[in-house]
Amino acid sequence: MVRDLIKNSLNGYKPPSYEKMRTTLLFEERAQVEVKFQEIKDSWKEYGVSIVSYGWTYVNHHPLINILVYIPKGVVFLKSHYTTRKTKDGPYLTSLLK
């Protein structure tokens, strides 16, 4: 798909190799995301946060609960929990959010 797009619109552009995408470029992008995320986390003490969770069912019917943090700049995804064979009640959600 990428090659077809390039052939039709970006003559002369050579996409990075699979190996470079899964190593060097991935590590560089992760480092940039971690820097940006740290900037966001640094603002939590000053502005506060709202912790949000919501449940849904994954494609293979496994129940999940996502944990997100809302800040004035937007929403940040923190983690996801598989909740198969778990009672999704107040005490369980409290333990996840702690």
PDB file of N, CA and C in Angstrom:
ATOM      1  N   MET A   1       0.821  -1.179   0.000  1.00  0.00           N
ATOM      2  CA  MET A   1       0.000   0.000   0.000  1.00  0.00           C
ATOM      3  C   MET A   1       0.871   1.251   0.000  1.00  0.00           C
ATOM      4  N   VAL A   2       1.871   1.288   0.886  1.00  0.00           N
ATOM      5  CA  VAL A   2       2.753   2.452   0.961  1.00  0.00           C
ATOM      6  C   VAL A   2       3.485   2.635  -0.362  1.00  0.00           C
ATOM      7  N   ARG A   3       3.969   1.541  -0.928  1.00  0.00           N
ATOM      8  CA  ARG A   3       4.684   1.643  -2.202  1.00  0.00           C
ATOM      9  C   ARG A   3       3.781   2.188  -3.303  1.00  0.00           C
ATOM     10  N   ASP A   4       2.520   1.735  -3.335  1.00  0.00           N
ATOM     11  CA  ASP A   4       1.588   2.246  -4.346  1.00  0.00           C
ATOM     12  C   ASP A   4       1.324   3.728  -4.154  1.00  0.00           C
ATOM     13  N   LEU A   5       1.155   4.158  -2.913  1.00  0.00           N
ATOM     14  CA  LEU A   5       0.951   5.589  -2.658  1.00  0.00           C
ATOM     15  C   LEU A   5       2.150   6.401  -3.113  1.00  0.00           C
ATOM     16  N   ILE A   6       3.324   5.912  -2.797  1.00  0.00           N
ATOM     17  CA  ILE A   6       4.544   6.626  -3.165  1.00  0.00           C
ATOM     18  C   ILE A   6       4.710   6.662  -4.681  1.00  0.00           C
ATOM     19  N   LYS A   7       4.466   5.530  -5.325  1.00  0.00           N
ATOM     20  CA  LYS A   7       4.623   5.457  -6.773  1.00  0.00           C
ATOM     21  C   LYS A   7       3.702   6.457  -7.470  1.00  0.00           C
ATOM     22  N   ASN A   8       2.519   6.651  -6.935  1.00  0.00           N
ATOM     23  CA  ASN A   8       1.539   7.513  -7.579  1.00  0.00           C
ATOM     24  C   ASN A   8       1.633   8.976  -7.162  1.00  0.00           C
ATOM     25  N   SER A   9       2.305   9.296  -6.055  1.00  0.00           N
ATOM     26  CA  SER A   9       2.287  10.687  -5.627  1.00  0.00           C
ATOM     27  C   SER A   9       3.621  11.240  -5.142  1.00  0.00           C
ATOM     28  N   LEU A  10       4.554  10.409  -4.753  1.00  0.00           N
ATOM     29  CA  LEU A  10       5.828  10.896  -4.215  1.00  0.00           C
ATOM     30  C   LEU A  10       6.992  10.255  -4.962  1.00  0.00           C
ATOM     31  N   ASN A  11       7.129  10.558  -6.206  1.00  0.00           N
ATOM     32  CA  ASN A  11       8.203   9.968  -7.010  1.00  0.00           C
ATOM     33  C   ASN A  11       9.555  10.197  -6.356  1.00  0.00           C
ATOM     34  N   GLY A  12      10.350   9.142  -6.296  1.00  0.00           N
ATOM     35  CA  GLY A  12      11.690   9.244  -5.750  1.00  0.00           C
ATOM     36  C   GLY A  12      11.795   8.973  -4.261  1.00  0.00           C
ATOM     37  N   TYR A  13      10.674   8.941  -3.550  1.00  0.00           N
ATOM     38  CA  TYR A  13      10.725   8.680  -2.106  1.00  0.00           C
ATOM     39  C   TYR A  13      10.856   7.180  -1.873  1.00  0.00           C
ATOM     40  N   LYS A  14      11.795   6.798  -1.042  1.00  0.00           N
ATOM     41  CA  LYS A  14      11.972   5.395  -0.683  1.00  0.00           C
ATOM     42  C   LYS A  14      11.579   5.231   0.782  1.00  0.00           C
ATOM     43  N   PRO A  15      10.561   4.433   1.084  1.00  0.00           N
ATOM     44  CA  PRO A  15      10.143   4.269   2.479  1.00  0.00           C
ATOM     45  C   PRO A  15      11.217   3.544   3.283  1.00  0.00           C
ATOM     46  N   PRO A  16      11.221   3.755   4.610  1.00  0.00           N
ATOM     47  CA  PRO A  16      12.198   3.036   5.440  1.00  0.00           C
ATOM     48  C   PRO A  16      11.930   1.542   5.405  1.00  0.00           C
ATOM     49  N   SER A  17      12.966   0.788   5.631  1.00  0.00           N
ATOM     50  CA  SER A  17      12.832  -0.669   5.639  1.00  0.00           C
ATOM     51  C   SER A  17      12.008  -1.119   6.848  1.00  0.00           C
ATOM     52  N   TYR A  18      11.501  -2.333   6.753  1.00  0.00           N
ATOM     53  CA  TYR A  18      10.748  -2.915   7.870  1.00  0.00           C
ATOM     54  C   TYR A  18      11.614  -2.944   9.120  1.00  0.00           C
ATOM     55  N   GLU A  19      12.878  -3.336   8.952  1.00  0.00           N
ATOM     56  CA  GLU A  19      13.786  -3.442  10.095  1.00  0.00           C
ATOM     57  C   GLU A  19      13.992  -2.078  10.759  1.00  0.00           C
ATOM     58  N   LYS A  20      14.173  -1.035   9.954  1.00  0.00           N
ATOM     59  CA  LYS A  20      14.382   0.298  10.511  1.00  0.00           C
ATOM     60  C   LYS A  20      13.118   0.797  11.205  1.00  0.00           C
ATOM     61  N   MET A  21      11.955   0.490  10.640  1.00  0.00           N
ATOM     62  CA  MET A  21      10.699   0.936  11.248  1.00  0.00           C
ATOM     63  C   MET A  21      10.468   0.273  12.602  1.00  0.00           C
ATOM     64  N   ARG A  22      10.828  -1.010  12.720  1.00  0.00           N
ATOM     65  CA  ARG A  22      10.547  -1.715  13.964  1.00  0.00           C
ATOM     66  C   ARG A  22      11.635  -1.564  15.010  1.00  0.00           C
ATOM     67  N   THR A  23      12.741  -0.907  14.666  1.00  0.00           N
ATOM     68  CA  THR A  23      13.820  -0.708  15.636  1.00  0.00           C
ATOM     69  C   THR A  23      14.086   0.787  15.818  1.00  0.00           C
ATOM     70  N   THR A  24      14.950   1.326  15.001  1.00  0.00           N
ATOM     71  CA  THR A  24      15.414   2.701  15.164  1.00  0.00           C
ATOM     72  C   THR A  24      14.270   3.712  15.213  1.00  0.00           C
ATOM     73  N   LEU A  25      13.418   3.700  14.200  1.00  0.00           N
ATOM     74  CA  LEU A  25      12.335   4.689  14.145  1.00  0.00           C
ATOM     75  C   LEU A  25      11.349   4.506  15.289  1.00  0.00           C
ATOM     76  N   LEU A  26      11.062   3.257  15.633  1.00  0.00           N
ATOM     77  CA  LEU A  26      10.149   2.995  16.738  1.00  0.00           C
ATOM     78  C   LEU A  26      10.719   3.508  18.058  1.00  0.00           C
ATOM     79  N   PHE A  27      11.994   3.258  18.319  1.00  0.00           N
ATOM     80  CA  PHE A  27      12.628   3.711  19.557  1.00  0.00           C
ATOM     81  C   PHE A  27      12.671   5.241  19.628  1.00  0.00           C
ATOM     82  N   GLU A  28      12.965   5.886  18.483  1.00  0.00           N
ATOM     83  CA  GLU A  28      12.989   7.353  18.454  1.00  0.00           C
ATOM     84  C   GLU A  28      11.599   7.929  18.739  1.00  0.00           C
ATOM     85  N   GLU A  29      10.590   7.333  18.151  1.00  0.00           N
ATOM     86  CA  GLU A  29       9.225   7.821  18.364  1.00  0.00           C
ATOM     87  C   GLU A  29       8.793   7.600  19.806  1.00  0.00           C
ATOM     88  N   ARG A  30       9.144   6.449  20.360  1.00  0.00           N
ATOM     89  CA  ARG A  30       8.803   6.179  21.758  1.00  0.00           C
ATOM     90  C   ARG A  30       9.452   7.206  22.687  1.00  0.00           C
ATOM     91  N   ALA A  31      10.705   7.553  22.422  1.00  0.00           N
ATOM     92  CA  ALA A  31      11.397   8.551  23.239  1.00  0.00           C
ATOM     93  C   ALA A  31      10.675   9.895  23.167  1.00  0.00           C
ATOM     94  N   GLN A  32      10.219  10.272  21.984  1.00  0.00           N
ATOM     95  CA  GLN A  32       9.492  11.534  21.838  1.00  0.00           C
ATOM     96  C   GLN A  32       8.168  11.498  22.598  1.00  0.00           C
ATOM     97  N   VAL A  33       7.471  10.371  22.536  1.00  0.00           N
ATOM     98  CA  VAL A  33       6.203  10.232  23.255  1.00  0.00           C
ATOM     99  C   VAL A  33       6.443  10.299  24.757  1.00  0.00           C
ATOM    100  N   GLU A  34       7.501   9.649  25.245  1.00  0.00           N
ATOM    101  CA  GLU A  34       7.794   9.673  26.678  1.00  0.00           C
ATOM    102  C   GLU A  34       8.115  11.079  27.164  1.00  0.00           C
ATOM    103  N   VAL A  35       8.826  11.870  26.364  1.00  0.00           N
ATOM    104  CA  VAL A  35       9.126  13.258  26.734  1.00  0.00           C
ATOM    105  C   VAL A  35       7.829  14.056  26.827  1.00  0.00           C
ATOM    106  N   LYS A  36       6.972  13.917  25.838  1.00  0.00           N
ATOM    107  CA  LYS A  36       5.698  14.640  25.830  1.00  0.00           C
ATOM    108  C   LYS A  36       4.824  14.200  27.010  1.00  0.00           C
ATOM    109  N   PHE A  37       4.791  12.897  27.282  1.00  0.00           N
ATOM    110  CA  PHE A  37       3.990  12.380  28.389  1.00  0.00           C
ATOM    111  C   PHE A  37       4.507  12.903  29.723  1.00  0.00           C
ATOM    112  N   GLN A  38       5.826  13.010  29.869  1.00  0.00           N
ATOM    113  CA  GLN A  38       6.394  13.537  31.115  1.00  0.00           C
ATOM    114  C   GLN A  38       5.994  14.992  31.314  1.00  0.00           C
ATOM    115  N   GLU A  39       5.951  15.772  30.232  1.00  0.00           N
ATOM    116  CA  GLU A  39       5.494  17.159  30.323  1.00  0.00           C
ATOM    117  C   GLU A  39       4.061  17.209  30.839  1.00  0.00           C
ATOM    118  N   ILE A  40       3.241  16.315  30.332  1.00  0.00           N
ATOM    119  CA  ILE A  40       1.842  16.259  30.768  1.00  0.00           C
ATOM    120  C   ILE A  40       1.762  15.849  32.232  1.00  0.00           C
ATOM    121  N   LYS A  41       2.519  14.818  32.623  1.00  0.00           N
ATOM    122  CA  LYS A  41       2.498  14.365  34.013  1.00  0.00           C
ATOM    123  C   LYS A  41       2.982  15.446  34.975  1.00  0.00           C
ATOM    124  N   ASP A  42       3.940  16.247  34.541  1.00  0.00           N
ATOM    125  CA  ASP A  42       4.452  17.327  35.394  1.00  0.00           C
ATOM    126  C   ASP A  42       3.373  18.359  35.711  1.00  0.00           C
ATOM    127  N   SER A  43       2.386  18.498  34.846  1.00  0.00           N
ATOM    128  CA  SER A  43       1.316  19.476  35.072  1.00  0.00           C
ATOM    129  C   SER A  43       0.231  18.943  36.011  1.00  0.00           C
ATOM    130  N   TRP A  44       0.231  17.648  36.303  1.00  0.00           N
ATOM    131  CA  TRP A  44      -0.830  17.060  37.122  1.00  0.00           C
ATOM    132  C   TRP A  44      -0.886  17.669  38.516  1.00  0.00           C
ATOM    133  N   LYS A  45       0.258  17.867  39.148  1.00  0.00           N
ATOM    134  CA  LYS A  45       0.263  18.400  40.514  1.00  0.00           C
ATOM    135  C   LYS A  45      -0.264  19.824  40.565  1.00  0.00           C
ATOM    136  N   GLU A  46       0.012  20.591  39.512  1.00  0.00           N
ATOM    137  CA  GLU A  46      -0.412  21.992  39.485  1.00  0.00           C
ATOM    138  C   GLU A  46      -1.906  22.125  39.177  1.00  0.00           C
ATOM    139  N   TYR A  47      -2.394  21.359  38.215  1.00  0.00           N
ATOM    140  CA  TYR A  47      -3.773  21.523  37.752  1.00  0.00           C
ATOM    141  C   TYR A  47      -4.731  20.451  38.245  1.00  0.00           C
ATOM    142  N   GLY A  48      -4.204  19.334  38.710  1.00  0.00           N
ATOM    143  CA  GLY A  48      -5.061  18.222  39.101  1.00  0.00           C
ATOM    144  C   GLY A  48      -5.498  17.417  37.889  1.00  0.00           C
ATOM    145  N   VAL A  49      -6.123  16.292  38.143  1.00  0.00           N
ATOM    146  CA  VAL A  49      -6.589  15.413  37.068  1.00  0.00           C
ATOM    147  C   VAL A  49      -7.929  14.813  37.454  1.00  0.00           C
ATOM    148  N   SER A  50      -8.616  14.323  36.464  1.00  0.00           N
ATOM    149  CA  SER A  50      -9.794  13.489  36.683  1.00  0.00           C
ATOM    150  C   SER A  50      -9.476  12.123  36.105  1.00  0.00           C
ATOM    151  N   ILE A  51      -9.684  11.085  36.903  1.00  0.00           N
ATOM    152  CA  ILE A  51      -9.418   9.727  36.436  1.00  0.00           C
ATOM    153  C   ILE A  51     -10.730   9.168  35.899  1.00  0.00           C
ATOM    154  N   VAL A  52     -10.649   8.603  34.701  1.00  0.00           N
ATOM    155  CA  VAL A  52     -11.833   8.097  34.016  1.00  0.00           C
ATOM    156  C   VAL A  52     -11.598   6.630  33.683  1.00  0.00           C
ATOM    157  N   SER A  53     -12.615   5.827  33.833  1.00  0.00           N
ATOM    158  CA  SER A  53     -12.524   4.436  33.391  1.00  0.00           C
ATOM    159  C   SER A  53     -13.785   4.094  32.610  1.00  0.00           C
ATOM    160  N   TYR A  54     -13.630   3.221  31.654  1.00  0.00           N
ATOM    161  CA  TYR A  54     -14.802   2.734  30.938  1.00  0.00           C
ATOM    162  C   TYR A  54     -14.540   1.305  30.494  1.00  0.00           C
ATOM    163  N   GLY A  55     -15.592   0.548  30.443  1.00  0.00           N
ATOM    164  CA  GLY A  55     -15.480  -0.845  30.063  1.00  0.00           C
ATOM    165  C   GLY A  55     -16.039  -1.088  28.680  1.00  0.00           C
ATOM    166  N   TRP A  56     -15.482  -2.058  28.012  1.00  0.00           N
ATOM    167  CA  TRP A  56     -15.977  -2.461  26.710  1.00  0.00           C
ATOM    168  C   TRP A  56     -15.542  -3.895  26.459  1.00  0.00           C
ATOM    169  N   THR A  57     -16.012  -4.471  25.382  1.00  0.00           N
ATOM    170  CA  THR A  57     -15.677  -5.846  25.053  1.00  0.00           C
ATOM    171  C   THR A  57     -14.820  -5.868  23.802  1.00  0.00           C
ATOM    172  N   TYR A  58     -13.659  -6.499  23.901  1.00  0.00           N
ATOM    173  CA  TYR A  58     -12.719  -6.609  22.803  1.00  0.00           C
ATOM    174  C   TYR A  58     -13.307  -7.503  21.717  1.00  0.00           C
ATOM    175  N   VAL A  59     -12.708  -7.493  20.544  1.00  0.00           N
ATOM    176  CA  VAL A  59     -13.211  -8.243  19.387  1.00  0.00           C
ATOM    177  C   VAL A  59     -13.465  -9.712  19.723  1.00  0.00           C
ATOM    178  N   ASN A  60     -12.583 -10.324  20.488  1.00  0.00           N
ATOM    179  CA  ASN A  60     -12.746 -11.738  20.831  1.00  0.00           C
ATOM    180  C   ASN A  60     -13.594 -11.937  22.087  1.00  0.00           C
ATOM    181  N   HIS A  61     -14.408 -10.947  22.423  1.00  0.00           N
ATOM    182  CA  HIS A  61     -15.369 -10.984  23.535  1.00  0.00           C
ATOM    183  C   HIS A  61     -14.721 -10.996  24.919  1.00  0.00           C
ATOM    184  N   HIS A  62     -13.478 -10.535  25.017  1.00  0.00           N
ATOM    185  CA  HIS A  62     -12.833 -10.384  26.318  1.00  0.00           C
ATOM    186  C   HIS A  62     -13.176  -8.999  26.867  1.00  0.00           C
ATOM    187  N   PRO A  63     -13.680  -8.934  28.104  1.00  0.00           N
ATOM    188  CA  PRO A  63     -14.009  -7.622  28.666  1.00  0.00           C
ATOM    189  C   PRO A  63     -12.747  -6.870  29.081  1.00  0.00           C
ATOM    190  N   LEU A  64     -12.737  -5.569  28.813  1.00  0.00           N
ATOM    191  CA  LEU A  64     -11.616  -4.704  29.150  1.00  0.00           C
ATOM    192  C   LEU A  64     -12.111  -3.495  29.916  1.00  0.00           C
ATOM    193  N   ILE A  65     -11.252  -2.950  30.759  1.00  0.00           N
ATOM    194  CA  ILE A  65     -11.513  -1.663  31.389  1.00  0.00           C
ATOM    195  C   ILE A  65     -10.306  -0.785  31.081  1.00  0.00           C
ATOM    196  N   ASN A  66     -10.558   0.343  30.442  1.00  0.00           N
ATOM    197  CA  ASN A  66      -9.505   1.298  30.128  1.00  0.00           C
ATOM    198  C   ASN A  66      -9.461   2.367  31.207  1.00  0.00           C
ATOM    199  N   ILE A  67      -8.258   2.777  31.569  1.00  0.00           N
ATOM    200  CA  ILE A  67      -8.046   3.843  32.547  1.00  0.00           C
ATOM    201  C   ILE A  67      -7.446   5.032  31.802  1.00  0.00           C
ATOM    202  N   LEU A  68      -8.078   6.192  31.942  1.00  0.00           N
ATOM    203  CA  LEU A  68      -7.622   7.410  31.286  1.00  0.00           C
ATOM    204  C   LEU A  68      -7.539   8.531  32.307  1.00  0.00           C
ATOM    205  N   VAL A  69      -6.731   9.533  31.992  1.00  0.00           N
ATOM    206  CA  VAL A  69      -6.617  10.713  32.836  1.00  0.00           C
ATOM    207  C   VAL A  69      -7.059  11.900  32.002  1.00  0.00           C
ATOM    208  N   TYR A  70      -7.999  12.664  32.536  1.00  0.00           N
ATOM    209  CA  TYR A  70      -8.452  13.866  31.851  1.00  0.00           C
ATOM    210  C   TYR A  70      -7.750  15.064  32.463  1.00  0.00           C
ATOM    211  N   ILE A  71      -7.178  15.903  31.604  1.00  0.00           N
ATOM    212  CA  ILE A  71      -6.564  17.164  32.010  1.00  0.00           C
ATOM    213  C   ILE A  71      -7.112  18.246  31.085  1.00  0.00           C
ATOM    214  N   PRO A  72      -6.942  19.517  31.430  1.00  0.00           N
ATOM    215  CA  PRO A  72      -7.479  20.569  30.563  1.00  0.00           C
ATOM    216  C   PRO A  72      -7.011  20.494  29.104  1.00  0.00           C
ATOM    217  N   LYS A  73      -5.821  19.957  28.860  1.00  0.00           N
ATOM    218  CA  LYS A  73      -5.314  19.854  27.488  1.00  0.00           C
ATOM    219  C   LYS A  73      -5.929  18.687  26.723  1.00  0.00           C
ATOM    220  N   GLY A  74      -6.557  17.752  27.413  1.00  0.00           N
ATOM    221  CA  GLY A  74      -7.132  16.594  26.730  1.00  0.00           C
ATOM    222  C   GLY A  74      -7.112  15.363  27.604  1.00  0.00           C
ATOM    223  N   VAL A  75      -7.224  14.216  26.957  1.00  0.00           N
ATOM    224  CA  VAL A  75      -7.295  12.933  27.658  1.00  0.00           C
ATOM    225  C   VAL A  75      -6.042  12.128  27.335  1.00  0.00           C
ATOM    226  N   VAL A  76      -5.493  11.469  28.361  1.00  0.00           N
ATOM    227  CA  VAL A  76      -4.312  10.632  28.201  1.00  0.00           C
ATOM    228  C   VAL A  76      -4.689   9.205  28.600  1.00  0.00           C
ATOM    229  N   PHE A  77      -4.423   8.256  27.707  1.00  0.00           N
ATOM    230  CA  PHE A  77      -4.643   6.842  28.005  1.00  0.00           C
ATOM    231  C   PHE A  77      -3.513   6.351  28.900  1.00  0.00           C
ATOM    232  N   LEU A  78      -3.872   5.676  30.012  1.00  0.00           N
ATOM    233  CA  LEU A  78      -2.842   5.139  30.903  1.00  0.00           C
ATOM    234  C   LEU A  78      -2.637   3.650  30.728  1.00  0.00           C
ATOM    235  N   LYS A  79      -3.709   2.879  30.832  1.00  0.00           N
ATOM    236  CA  LYS A  79      -3.566   1.431  30.713  1.00  0.00           C
ATOM    237  C   LYS A  79      -4.915   0.780  30.486  1.00  0.00           C
ATOM    238  N   SER A  80      -4.851  -0.479  30.151  1.00  0.00           N
ATOM    239  CA  SER A  80      -6.047  -1.271  29.924  1.00  0.00           C
ATOM    240  C   SER A  80      -5.913  -2.555  30.736  1.00  0.00           C
ATOM    241  N   HIS A  81      -7.025  -3.000  31.320  1.00  0.00           N
ATOM    242  CA  HIS A  81      -7.026  -4.226  32.124  1.00  0.00           C
ATOM    243  C   HIS A  81      -7.995  -5.228  31.528  1.00  0.00           C
ATOM    244  N   TYR A  82      -7.521  -6.463  31.325  1.00  0.00           N
ATOM    245  CA  TYR A  82      -8.429  -7.546  30.971  1.00  0.00           C
ATOM    246  C   TYR A  82      -9.184  -7.920  32.229  1.00  0.00           C
ATOM    247  N   THR A  83     -10.474  -8.046  32.124  1.00  0.00           N
ATOM    248  CA  THR A  83     -11.270  -8.294  33.330  1.00  0.00           C
ATOM    249  C   THR A  83     -12.085  -9.577  33.236  1.00  0.00           C
ATOM    250  N   THR A  84     -11.554 -10.540  32.517  1.00  0.00           N
ATOM    251  CA  THR A  84     -12.228 -11.829  32.431  1.00  0.00           C
ATOM    252  C   THR A  84     -12.300 -12.455  33.823  1.00  0.00           C
ATOM    253  N   ARG A  85     -13.442 -12.985  34.158  1.00  0.00           N
ATOM    254  CA  ARG A  85     -13.705 -13.630  35.455  1.00  0.00           C
ATOM    255  C   ARG A  85     -13.527 -12.686  36.640  1.00  0.00           C
ATOM    256  N   LYS A  86     -13.768 -11.413  36.461  1.00  0.00           N
ATOM    257  CA  LYS A  86     -13.695 -10.433  37.547  1.00  0.00           C
ATOM    258  C   LYS A  86     -15.078  -9.825  37.744  1.00  0.00           C
ATOM    259  N   THR A  87     -15.423  -9.569  38.978  1.00  0.00           N
ATOM    260  CA  THR A  87     -16.656  -8.853  39.283  1.00  0.00           C
ATOM    261  C   THR A  87     -16.348  -7.373  39.207  1.00  0.00           C
ATOM    262  N   LYS A  88     -16.990  -6.714  38.272  1.00  0.00           N
ATOM    263  CA  LYS A  88     -16.694  -5.290  38.050  1.00  0.00           C
ATOM    264  C   LYS A  88     -17.549  -4.431  38.974  1.00  0.00           C
ATOM    265  N   ASP A  89     -17.198  -4.419  40.254  1.00  0.00           N
ATOM    266  CA  ASP A  89     -17.944  -3.646  41.237  1.00  0.00           C
ATOM    267  C   ASP A  89     -17.069  -2.522  41.782  1.00  0.00           C
ATOM    268  N   GLY A  90     -17.573  -1.773  42.715  1.00  0.00           N
ATOM    269  CA  GLY A  90     -16.862  -0.640  43.290  1.00  0.00           C
ATOM    270  C   GLY A  90     -15.499  -0.988  43.853  1.00  0.00           C
ATOM    271  N   PRO A  91     -15.393  -2.000  44.719  1.00  0.00           N
ATOM    272  CA  PRO A  91     -14.077  -2.337  45.277  1.00  0.00           C
ATOM    273  C   PRO A  91     -13.058  -2.736  44.200  1.00  0.00           C
ATOM    274  N   TYR A  92     -13.509  -3.468  43.175  1.00  0.00           N
ATOM    275  CA  TYR A  92     -12.587  -3.866  42.114  1.00  0.00           C
ATOM    276  C   TYR A  92     -12.095  -2.643  41.335  1.00  0.00           C
ATOM    277  N   LEU A  93     -13.016  -1.759  40.971  1.00  0.00           N
ATOM    278  CA  LEU A  93     -12.623  -0.542  40.237  1.00  0.00           C
ATOM    279  C   LEU A  93     -11.701   0.323  41.087  1.00  0.00           C
ATOM    280  N   THR A  94     -11.963   0.420  42.370  1.00  0.00           N
ATOM    281  CA  THR A  94     -11.103   1.194  43.268  1.00  0.00           C
ATOM    282  C   THR A  94      -9.689   0.640  43.261  1.00  0.00           C
ATOM    283  N   SER A  95      -9.572  -0.695  43.304  1.00  0.00           N
ATOM    284  CA  SER A  95      -8.235  -1.312  43.295  1.00  0.00           C
ATOM    285  C   SER A  95      -7.520  -1.024  41.981  1.00  0.00           C
ATOM    286  N   LEU A  96      -8.225  -1.000  40.863  1.00  0.00           N
ATOM    287  CA  LEU A  96      -7.592  -0.694  39.584  1.00  0.00           C
ATOM    288  C   LEU A  96      -7.110   0.752  39.542  1.00  0.00           C
ATOM    289  N   LEU A  97      -7.939   1.665  40.041  1.00  0.00           N
ATOM    290  CA  LEU A  97      -7.609   3.077  39.943  1.00  0.00           C
ATOM    291  C   LEU A  97      -6.486   3.489  40.900  1.00  0.00           C
ATOM    292  N   LYS A  98      -6.337   2.766  42.016  1.00  0.00           N
ATOM    293  CA  LYS A  98      -5.247   3.086  42.928  1.00  0.00           C
ATOM    294  C   LYS A  98      -3.938   2.776  42.254  1.00  0.00           C
TER     295      LYS A  98
END
